[in-house]
Protein backbone atom coordinates (compact mmCIF):
# COMPACT_ATOMS: atom_id res chain seq x y z
CA MET A 1 -61.72 113.60 72.96
CA SER A 2 -60.39 110.03 72.76
CA ILE A 3 -62.60 106.97 73.15
CA ASP A 4 -61.09 106.20 76.58
CA GLN A 5 -61.75 109.74 77.77
CA GLN A 6 -65.29 109.54 76.43
CA ASN A 7 -65.88 106.26 78.28
CA LYS A 8 -64.50 107.70 81.51
CA SER A 9 -66.72 110.76 81.14
CA ASN A 10 -69.78 108.57 80.56
CA ILE A 11 -68.93 106.44 83.60
CA ALA A 12 -68.56 109.54 85.73
CA LEU A 13 -71.89 110.90 84.50
CA LEU A 14 -73.49 107.50 85.18
CA ARG A 15 -72.22 107.54 88.79
CA VAL A 16 -73.51 111.06 89.30
CA ARG A 17 -76.84 110.10 87.73
CA GLU A 18 -77.17 107.04 89.96
CA PHE A 19 -76.39 109.14 93.02
CA LEU A 20 -79.02 111.74 92.13
CA PHE A 21 -81.52 109.04 91.20
CA PHE A 22 -81.24 107.16 94.47
CA ILE A 23 -81.34 110.38 96.50
CA SER A 24 -84.59 111.29 94.72
CA PHE A 25 -85.97 107.77 94.92
CA GLY A 26 -85.15 107.56 98.63
CA ALA A 27 -86.92 110.87 99.34
CA PHE A 28 -89.87 109.63 97.31
CA LEU A 29 -90.11 106.34 99.27
CA ILE A 30 -89.70 108.02 102.67
CA ARG A 31 -92.44 110.51 101.86
CA ARG A 32 -94.85 107.98 100.39
CA LEU A 33 -94.27 105.04 102.74
CA PHE A 34 -93.15 106.66 105.98
CA THR A 35 -93.87 110.33 106.69
CA ASP A 36 -97.14 110.35 104.74
CA VAL A 37 -98.71 107.16 106.12
CA THR A 38 -97.33 106.61 109.66
CA LEU A 39 -98.50 108.08 112.94
CA TRP A 40 -95.11 109.26 114.21
CA HIS A 41 -96.05 112.93 113.80
CA PHE A 42 -98.86 112.62 116.33
CA GLN A 43 -96.40 111.56 119.00
CA PHE A 44 -93.35 113.74 118.34
CA ASP A 45 -93.49 117.46 117.57
CA PHE A 46 -90.21 117.44 115.62
CA PHE A 47 -91.70 114.93 113.18
CA TRP A 48 -94.20 117.58 111.98
CA ASP A 49 -91.25 119.74 110.85
CA PHE A 50 -89.60 116.71 109.22
CA ARG A 51 -92.84 115.85 107.46
CA GLU A 52 -93.25 119.41 106.12
CA LYS A 53 -89.67 119.47 104.84
CA MET A 54 -90.24 116.13 103.08
CA GLU A 55 -93.35 117.59 101.45
CA MET A 56 -91.33 120.58 100.21
CA ILE A 57 -88.59 118.34 98.87
CA TYR A 58 -91.17 116.07 97.23
CA ASP A 59 -93.01 118.87 95.44
CA GLU A 60 -90.19 121.28 94.61
CA TYR A 61 -86.84 119.51 94.40
CA ILE A 62 -87.35 115.88 93.37
CA PRO A 63 -88.80 116.72 89.91
CA ILE A 64 -85.86 119.02 89.16
CA VAL A 65 -83.24 116.47 90.25
CA LEU A 66 -84.93 113.74 88.22
CA LEU A 67 -85.00 115.97 85.14
CA VAL A 68 -81.24 116.42 85.58
CA CYS A 69 -80.93 112.62 85.82
CA ILE A 70 -82.85 112.24 82.58
CA ALA A 71 -80.63 114.82 80.88
CA PHE A 72 -77.53 112.85 81.99
CA MET A 73 -79.18 109.64 80.76
CA LEU A 74 -79.75 111.14 77.30
CA PHE A 75 -76.05 112.13 77.14
CA THR A 76 -74.75 108.70 78.22
CA THR A 77 -76.97 106.35 76.17
CA VAL A 78 -77.33 105.76 72.47
CA PRO A 79 -80.19 107.98 71.26
CA LYS A 80 -83.24 106.22 69.80
CA LEU A 81 -86.16 108.18 68.48
CA THR A 82 -88.76 105.62 69.61
CA ARG A 83 -87.32 105.60 73.12
CA ILE A 84 -87.25 109.39 73.32
CA ILE A 85 -90.89 109.60 72.12
CA ALA A 86 -91.97 106.92 74.63
CA PHE A 87 -90.20 108.73 77.48
CA ALA A 88 -91.72 112.04 76.44
CA VAL A 89 -95.21 110.53 76.37
CA LEU A 90 -94.73 109.09 79.89
CA VAL A 91 -93.50 112.39 81.33
CA VAL A 92 -96.17 114.51 79.63
CA THR A 93 -98.92 112.07 80.66
CA GLY A 94 -97.65 112.08 84.27
CA LYS A 95 -97.61 115.88 84.30
CA MET A 96 -101.14 116.13 82.91
CA VAL A 97 -102.48 113.63 85.48
CA SER A 98 -100.72 115.47 88.31
CA ILE A 99 -102.18 118.79 87.22
CA ALA A 100 -105.67 117.27 87.03
CA ASN A 101 -105.30 115.61 90.46
CA GLU A 102 -103.38 118.50 92.03
CA ASP A 103 -100.87 115.91 93.26
CA MET A 104 -97.25 115.46 92.09
CA HIS A 105 -97.31 111.67 92.60
CA MET A 106 -97.94 110.53 89.02
CA TYR A 107 -95.53 113.06 87.54
CA ILE A 108 -92.71 111.98 89.86
CA MET A 109 -93.54 108.32 89.23
CA MET A 110 -93.13 108.82 85.47
CA LEU A 111 -89.92 110.79 85.98
CA LEU A 112 -88.55 107.96 88.13
CA ILE A 113 -89.40 105.37 85.47
CA VAL A 114 -87.57 107.34 82.80
CA ALA A 115 -84.62 108.29 85.03
CA ALA A 116 -84.16 104.60 85.99
CA HIS A 117 -83.30 103.64 82.40
CA GLU A 118 -80.15 101.48 82.36
CA ILE A 119 -79.71 101.70 86.14
CA SER A 120 -79.29 98.20 87.58
CA ALA A 121 -82.62 96.69 88.61
CA LYS A 122 -80.70 94.72 91.27
CA LYS A 123 -79.47 97.98 92.80
CA ILE A 124 -82.96 99.45 92.74
CA LEU A 125 -84.57 96.42 94.40
CA THR A 126 -81.81 96.20 97.02
CA PHE A 127 -82.24 99.90 97.76
CA VAL A 128 -86.02 99.59 98.16
CA ILE A 129 -85.73 96.61 100.52
CA GLY A 130 -82.87 98.19 102.52
CA LEU A 131 -84.81 101.42 103.02
CA ASN A 132 -88.38 100.21 103.56
CA ILE A 133 -87.90 97.22 105.85
CA PRO A 134 -86.03 99.08 108.64
CA LEU A 135 -88.66 101.85 108.61
CA LEU A 136 -91.43 99.23 108.61
CA VAL A 137 -89.92 97.32 111.53
CA ALA A 138 -89.27 100.54 113.51
CA THR A 139 -92.88 101.67 113.08
CA ILE A 140 -94.39 98.31 114.00
CA VAL A 141 -92.15 97.88 117.06
CA ALA A 142 -92.97 101.43 118.18
CA SER A 143 -96.69 100.77 117.83
CA GLN A 144 -96.47 97.50 119.78
CA CYS A 145 -94.43 99.12 122.56
CA GLY A 146 -96.80 102.09 122.91
CA VAL A 147 -94.31 104.67 121.59
CA ILE A 148 -96.77 105.63 118.86
CA GLU A 149 -100.48 104.96 118.57
CA ASN A 150 -101.67 101.57 117.37
CA ARG A 151 -105.21 102.17 116.19
CA ILE A 152 -107.63 99.22 116.23
CA ASP A 153 -110.66 98.65 114.02
CA PRO A 154 -113.10 96.75 116.26
CA GLY A 155 -115.34 95.81 113.34
CA ARG A 156 -112.81 93.31 111.92
CA ASN A 157 -110.41 93.34 114.89
CA ARG A 158 -107.68 94.90 112.74
CA GLU A 159 -104.62 96.68 114.07
CA TYR A 160 -103.08 99.59 112.18
CA LEU A 161 -99.53 98.87 113.50
CA GLY A 162 -98.65 102.57 113.57
CA TYR A 163 -99.98 103.37 110.07
CA ASN A 164 -102.96 105.31 108.73
CA TRP A 165 -104.33 102.21 106.99
CA THR A 166 -104.37 98.61 108.17
CA THR A 167 -103.29 97.36 104.76
CA THR A 168 -100.19 99.58 104.43
CA PRO A 169 -97.69 97.59 106.56
CA MET A 170 -98.73 94.35 104.86
CA MET A 171 -98.37 96.04 101.47
CA ILE A 172 -94.84 97.23 102.27
CA TYR A 173 -93.86 93.77 103.51
CA SER A 174 -95.34 92.11 100.39
CA TYR A 175 -93.56 94.33 97.92
CA ALA A 176 -90.26 94.03 99.77
CA LEU A 177 -90.64 90.23 99.84
CA PHE A 178 -91.42 90.06 96.12
CA GLY A 179 -88.34 92.17 95.44
CA TYR A 180 -86.26 89.75 97.51
CA LEU A 181 -87.70 86.78 95.62
CA ILE A 182 -86.74 88.43 92.34
CA LEU A 183 -83.20 88.98 93.60
CA ARG A 184 -83.09 85.31 94.62
CA LYS A 185 -84.55 84.33 91.23
CA GLY A 186 -87.31 82.47 93.05
CA LYS A 187 -84.89 80.02 94.64
CA ILE A 188 -85.81 79.94 98.30
CA THR A 189 -85.01 77.41 100.99
CA ILE A 190 -87.53 75.65 103.18
CA TRP A 191 -86.39 77.83 106.10
CA GLU A 192 -87.03 80.99 104.10
CA TYR A 193 -90.43 79.63 103.12
CA LEU A 194 -91.33 79.01 106.80
CA LEU A 195 -89.89 82.35 107.97
CA PHE A 196 -91.67 84.47 105.33
CA ASN A 197 -94.96 82.62 105.84
CA GLY A 198 -94.59 83.00 109.58
CA VAL A 199 -94.30 86.76 109.17
CA ASN A 200 -97.20 86.58 106.71
CA VAL A 201 -99.40 84.79 109.25
CA TRP A 202 -98.47 87.36 111.93
CA PHE A 203 -99.48 90.22 109.64
CA PHE A 204 -102.75 88.44 108.83
CA TYR A 205 -103.44 87.87 112.55
CA LYS A 206 -102.82 91.55 113.30
CA THR A 207 -104.35 93.27 110.28
CA ASN A 208 -106.78 90.71 108.83
CA THR A 209 -105.59 91.61 105.33
CA ARG A 210 -106.92 88.59 103.44
CA PHE A 211 -105.85 89.09 99.85
CA ALA A 212 -102.29 90.11 100.59
CA PHE A 213 -101.96 87.14 102.93
CA LEU A 214 -103.22 84.73 100.28
CA LEU A 215 -101.05 86.30 97.58
CA VAL A 216 -97.87 85.95 99.63
CA PHE A 217 -98.75 82.42 100.67
CA LEU A 218 -99.58 81.28 97.14
CA VAL A 219 -96.45 82.85 95.62
CA LEU A 220 -94.15 81.26 98.22
CA THR A 221 -95.92 77.91 97.89
CA ALA A 222 -95.72 78.00 94.09
CA LEU A 223 -91.98 78.69 94.28
CA MET A 224 -91.47 75.79 96.66
CA ILE A 225 -93.46 73.43 94.41
CA PHE A 226 -91.45 74.62 91.43
CA ARG A 227 -88.26 73.98 93.32
CA LEU A 228 -89.34 70.41 94.19
CA LEU A 229 -90.26 69.72 90.59
CA ARG A 230 -86.94 71.05 89.39
CA GLU A 231 -85.05 68.83 91.83
CA HIS A 232 -86.98 65.76 90.68
CA ASP A 233 -86.82 66.44 86.94
CA GLY A 234 -90.49 67.44 86.78
CA PRO A 235 -92.15 69.17 83.83
CA VAL A 236 -90.40 72.45 84.59
CA LEU A 237 -90.74 73.93 81.10
CA LEU A 238 -94.47 73.28 80.99
CA ILE A 239 -95.05 74.81 84.42
CA ARG A 240 -92.83 77.79 83.54
CA ASN A 241 -94.92 78.48 80.45
CA ILE A 242 -98.12 78.20 82.45
CA CYS A 243 -96.71 80.66 85.00
CA ILE A 244 -95.86 83.08 82.18
CA LEU A 245 -99.42 82.88 80.83
CA LEU A 246 -101.21 83.08 84.19
CA PRO A 247 -100.91 86.87 84.77
CA HIS A 248 -102.31 87.56 81.31
CA LEU A 249 -105.15 85.09 81.75
CA CYS A 250 -105.94 86.52 85.19
CA CYS A 251 -105.92 90.05 83.75
CA ILE A 252 -108.37 89.07 81.01
CA PHE A 253 -110.60 87.29 83.52
CA ILE A 254 -110.61 90.19 86.01
CA TYR A 255 -111.29 92.76 83.28
CA GLY A 256 -114.08 90.65 81.80
CA ILE A 257 -115.87 89.92 85.05
CA THR A 258 -115.54 93.56 86.07
CA MET A 259 -117.14 94.76 82.86
CA ILE A 260 -120.10 92.38 83.15
CA TYR A 261 -120.57 92.85 86.90
CA ASN A 262 -124.20 93.50 87.81
CA PRO A 263 -125.18 93.84 91.49
CA CYS A 264 -128.72 92.74 90.62
CA ILE A 265 -127.45 89.24 89.84
CA GLY A 266 -127.31 87.23 93.03
CA VAL A 267 -124.15 85.24 92.26
CA MET A 268 -122.22 88.35 91.28
CA ALA A 269 -123.44 90.21 94.38
CA LYS A 270 -122.15 87.38 96.57
CA LEU A 271 -118.84 87.25 94.66
CA ASN A 272 -118.51 91.04 95.10
CA ARG A 273 -119.01 90.68 98.87
CA LEU A 274 -116.50 87.83 98.98
CA LEU A 275 -113.96 90.05 97.19
CA SER A 276 -114.49 92.93 99.63
CA ASN A 277 -116.50 95.02 97.11
CA ARG A 278 -113.63 94.88 94.59
CA LEU A 279 -115.86 94.20 91.60
CA ALA A 280 -117.93 97.32 92.23
CA GLN A 281 -114.83 99.41 92.88
CA CYS A 282 -113.06 98.16 89.73
CA GLN A 283 -116.13 98.85 87.61
CA TYR A 284 -116.38 102.34 89.05
CA ALA A 285 -112.66 102.89 88.32
């Protein structure tokens, strides 16, 4: 086989692999972020059948299709022993966790990570946003119009917006927004800043999800400040380096304070309450 024929064959396999990957990824997202967590099935009988079919696809077909994707990937990329070992460890670990938990989620997650190798991150982010946002908007609108149930938690005056958990719609919005910001390389306009924060405020008003609200607000604000500094020849390099270090410093801080958390210490008990019992939960985890 000539080099041109080999290249054409690899391109064809790549296209087939991408198609199978996005079909599997789409089914995974629909099951995890739509059929499994929304209240549509309580309102429409046909949704029960759809939900059961998605469960069957999730458990029986997605792993097989992703394994085929991985096989195609191994044929179309330069083999590296370290990469193969790393991929094998991920898949085996995911399988062991899924067996222990009696849930396919971790196994499929690991298969998706491996199958996504050398597939454009831009395509993946665009796909996630294009799939999740319409389903999110449809569910919220249906809950506000009375088409499906909109549960309310009177304790904190939180609306569920058609989902099983009050935090789920805000979570979907946040991840989609962060994906969009990555696609935009953090360069947002003032109108985007106001629009996204307006939606953020609306979600906070409806669901009272404090941390997600603050996270979205702080990320958007940091990007706007960075933009202003860049336009006025500010210390961009210094701030960029600080931003690179911040996640690592926060991780070390969170891990440290979790390990030393003691509910008998008054200050830590108050901090735990302020953080919605996160310190206790993280220590337990």
